């Protein structure tokens, strides 16, 4: 794709429209890299939270077993 196939989106420095497909293309590679780092960080945090939730459920289950066994 050549630059002549792209039209800059009004008031947007890094956004261009492809003449042939009409697709909007973001040319801000630094911004994209930052977005991907943040996305990976959020995913990691979500996985850690899921692990903590699973651990808490397991602890609760074990506590129930202990409580029921002592009666």
C-alpha atoms as a PDB file:
ATOM      1  CA  UNK A   1       0.000   0.000   0.000  1.00  0.00           C
ATOM      2  CA  UNK A   2       1.458   3.333  -1.008  1.00  0.00           C
ATOM      3  CA  UNK A   3       0.985   6.620   0.833  1.00  0.00           C
ATOM      4  CA  UNK A   4      -0.961   7.981  -2.152  1.00  0.00           C
ATOM      5  CA  UNK A   5      -3.651   5.412  -1.285  1.00  0.00           C
ATOM      6  CA  UNK A   6      -4.153   7.051   2.129  1.00  0.00           C
ATOM      7  CA  UNK A   7      -6.080  10.194   3.002  1.00  0.00           C
ATOM      8  CA  UNK A   8      -5.421  11.820   6.380  1.00  0.00           C
ATOM      9  CA  UNK A   9      -8.481  11.926   8.636  1.00  0.00           C
ATOM     10  CA  UNK A  10      -9.414  15.502   9.464  1.00  0.00           C
ATOM     11  CA  UNK A  11      -8.083  16.709  12.843  1.00  0.00           C
ATOM     12  CA  UNK A  12      -6.273  13.400  13.439  1.00  0.00           C
ATOM     13  CA  UNK A  13      -2.503  13.278  13.131  1.00  0.00           C
ATOM     14  CA  UNK A  14      -2.065   9.500  13.007  1.00  0.00           C
ATOM     15  CA  UNK A  15      -5.284   8.311  11.363  1.00  0.00           C
ATOM     16  CA  UNK A  16      -5.585   7.728   7.636  1.00  0.00           C
ATOM     17  CA  UNK A  17      -8.356   6.321   5.429  1.00  0.00           C
ATOM     18  CA  UNK A  18      -7.441   3.759   2.792  1.00  0.00           C
ATOM     19  CA  UNK A  19      -8.961   4.918  -0.511  1.00  0.00           C
ATOM     20  CA  UNK A  20      -9.590   1.423  -1.832  1.00  0.00           C
ATOM     21  CA  UNK A  21     -11.114  -0.223   1.267  1.00  0.00           C
ATOM     22  CA  UNK A  22     -12.331   2.732   3.315  1.00  0.00           C
ATOM     23  CA  UNK A  23     -10.537   1.308   6.368  1.00  0.00           C
ATOM     24  CA  UNK A  24      -9.143   3.667   8.984  1.00  0.00           C
ATOM     25  CA  UNK A  25      -5.450   3.009   9.628  1.00  0.00           C
ATOM     26  CA  UNK A  26      -3.619   4.175  12.743  1.00  0.00           C
ATOM     27  CA  UNK A  27       0.051   4.920  12.014  1.00  0.00           C
ATOM     28  CA  UNK A  28       0.982   5.651  15.657  1.00  0.00           C
ATOM     29  CA  UNK A  29       3.221   2.647  16.310  1.00  0.00           C
ATOM     30  CA  UNK A  30       4.383   3.952  19.711  1.00  0.00           C
ATOM     31  CA  UNK A  31       0.772   4.414  20.817  1.00  0.00           C
ATOM     32  CA  UNK A  32      -0.088   0.934  19.581  1.00  0.00           C
ATOM     33  CA  UNK A  33       2.866  -0.586  21.435  1.00  0.00           C
ATOM     34  CA  UNK A  34       1.764   1.183  24.621  1.00  0.00           C
ATOM     35  CA  UNK A  35      -1.809  -0.075  24.132  1.00  0.00           C
ATOM     36  CA  UNK A  36      -0.559  -3.652  23.718  1.00  0.00           C
ATOM     37  CA  UNK A  37       1.580  -3.392  26.884  1.00  0.00           C
ATOM     38  CA  UNK A  38      -1.427  -2.139  28.858  1.00  0.00           C
ATOM     39  CA  UNK A  39      -3.637  -4.866  27.390  1.00  0.00           C
ATOM     40  CA  UNK A  40      -1.128  -7.545  28.413  1.00  0.00           C
ATOM     41  CA  UNK A  41      -0.870  -6.012  31.895  1.00  0.00           C
ATOM     42  CA  UNK A  42      -4.661  -6.027  32.320  1.00  0.00           C
ATOM     43  CA  UNK A  43      -4.798  -9.651  31.167  1.00  0.00           C
ATOM     44  CA  UNK A  44      -2.095 -10.633  33.661  1.00  0.00           C
ATOM     45  CA  UNK A  45      -3.920  -8.814  36.460  1.00  0.00           C
ATOM     46  CA  UNK A  46      -7.181 -10.529  35.494  1.00  0.00           C
ATOM     47  CA  UNK A  47      -5.474 -13.951  35.570  1.00  0.00           C
ATOM     48  CA  UNK A  48      -3.938 -13.196  38.974  1.00  0.00           C
ATOM     49  CA  UNK A  49      -7.319 -12.137  40.329  1.00  0.00           C
ATOM     50  CA  UNK A  50      -8.918 -15.328  39.005  1.00  0.00           C
ATOM     51  CA  UNK A  51      -6.214 -17.374  40.741  1.00  0.00           C
ATOM     52  CA  UNK A  52      -6.824 -15.533  44.020  1.00  0.00           C
ATOM     53  CA  UNK A  53     -10.572 -16.131  43.713  1.00  0.00           C
ATOM     54  CA  UNK A  54      -9.983 -19.847  43.131  1.00  0.00           C
ATOM     55  CA  UNK A  55      -7.660 -19.995  46.142  1.00  0.00           C
ATOM     56  CA  UNK A  56     -10.245 -18.283  48.355  1.00  0.00           C
ATOM     57  CA  UNK A  57     -12.943 -20.727  47.238  1.00  0.00           C
ATOM     58  CA  UNK A  58     -10.630 -23.639  48.044  1.00  0.00           C
ATOM     59  CA  UNK A  59      -9.878 -22.198  51.513  1.00  0.00           C
ATOM     60  CA  UNK A  60     -13.590 -21.698  52.158  1.00  0.00           C
ATOM     61  CA  UNK A  61     -14.281 -25.280  51.135  1.00  0.00           C
ATOM     62  CA  UNK A  62     -11.566 -26.607  53.429  1.00  0.00           C
ATOM     63  CA  UNK A  63     -12.867 -24.494  56.310  1.00  0.00           C
ATOM     64  CA  UNK A  64     -16.358 -25.901  55.755  1.00  0.00           C
ATOM     65  CA  UNK A  65     -14.945 -29.435  55.869  1.00  0.00           C
ATOM     66  CA  UNK A  66     -13.095 -28.677  59.111  1.00  0.00           C
ATOM     67  CA  UNK A  67     -16.203 -27.065  60.648  1.00  0.00           C
ATOM     68  CA  UNK A  68     -18.417 -30.002  59.657  1.00  0.00           C
ATOM     69  CA  UNK A  69     -15.893 -32.566  60.904  1.00  0.00           C
ATOM     70  CA  UNK A  70     -15.674 -31.071  64.369  1.00  0.00           C
ATOM     71  CA  UNK A  71     -19.422 -31.310  65.054  1.00  0.00           C
END
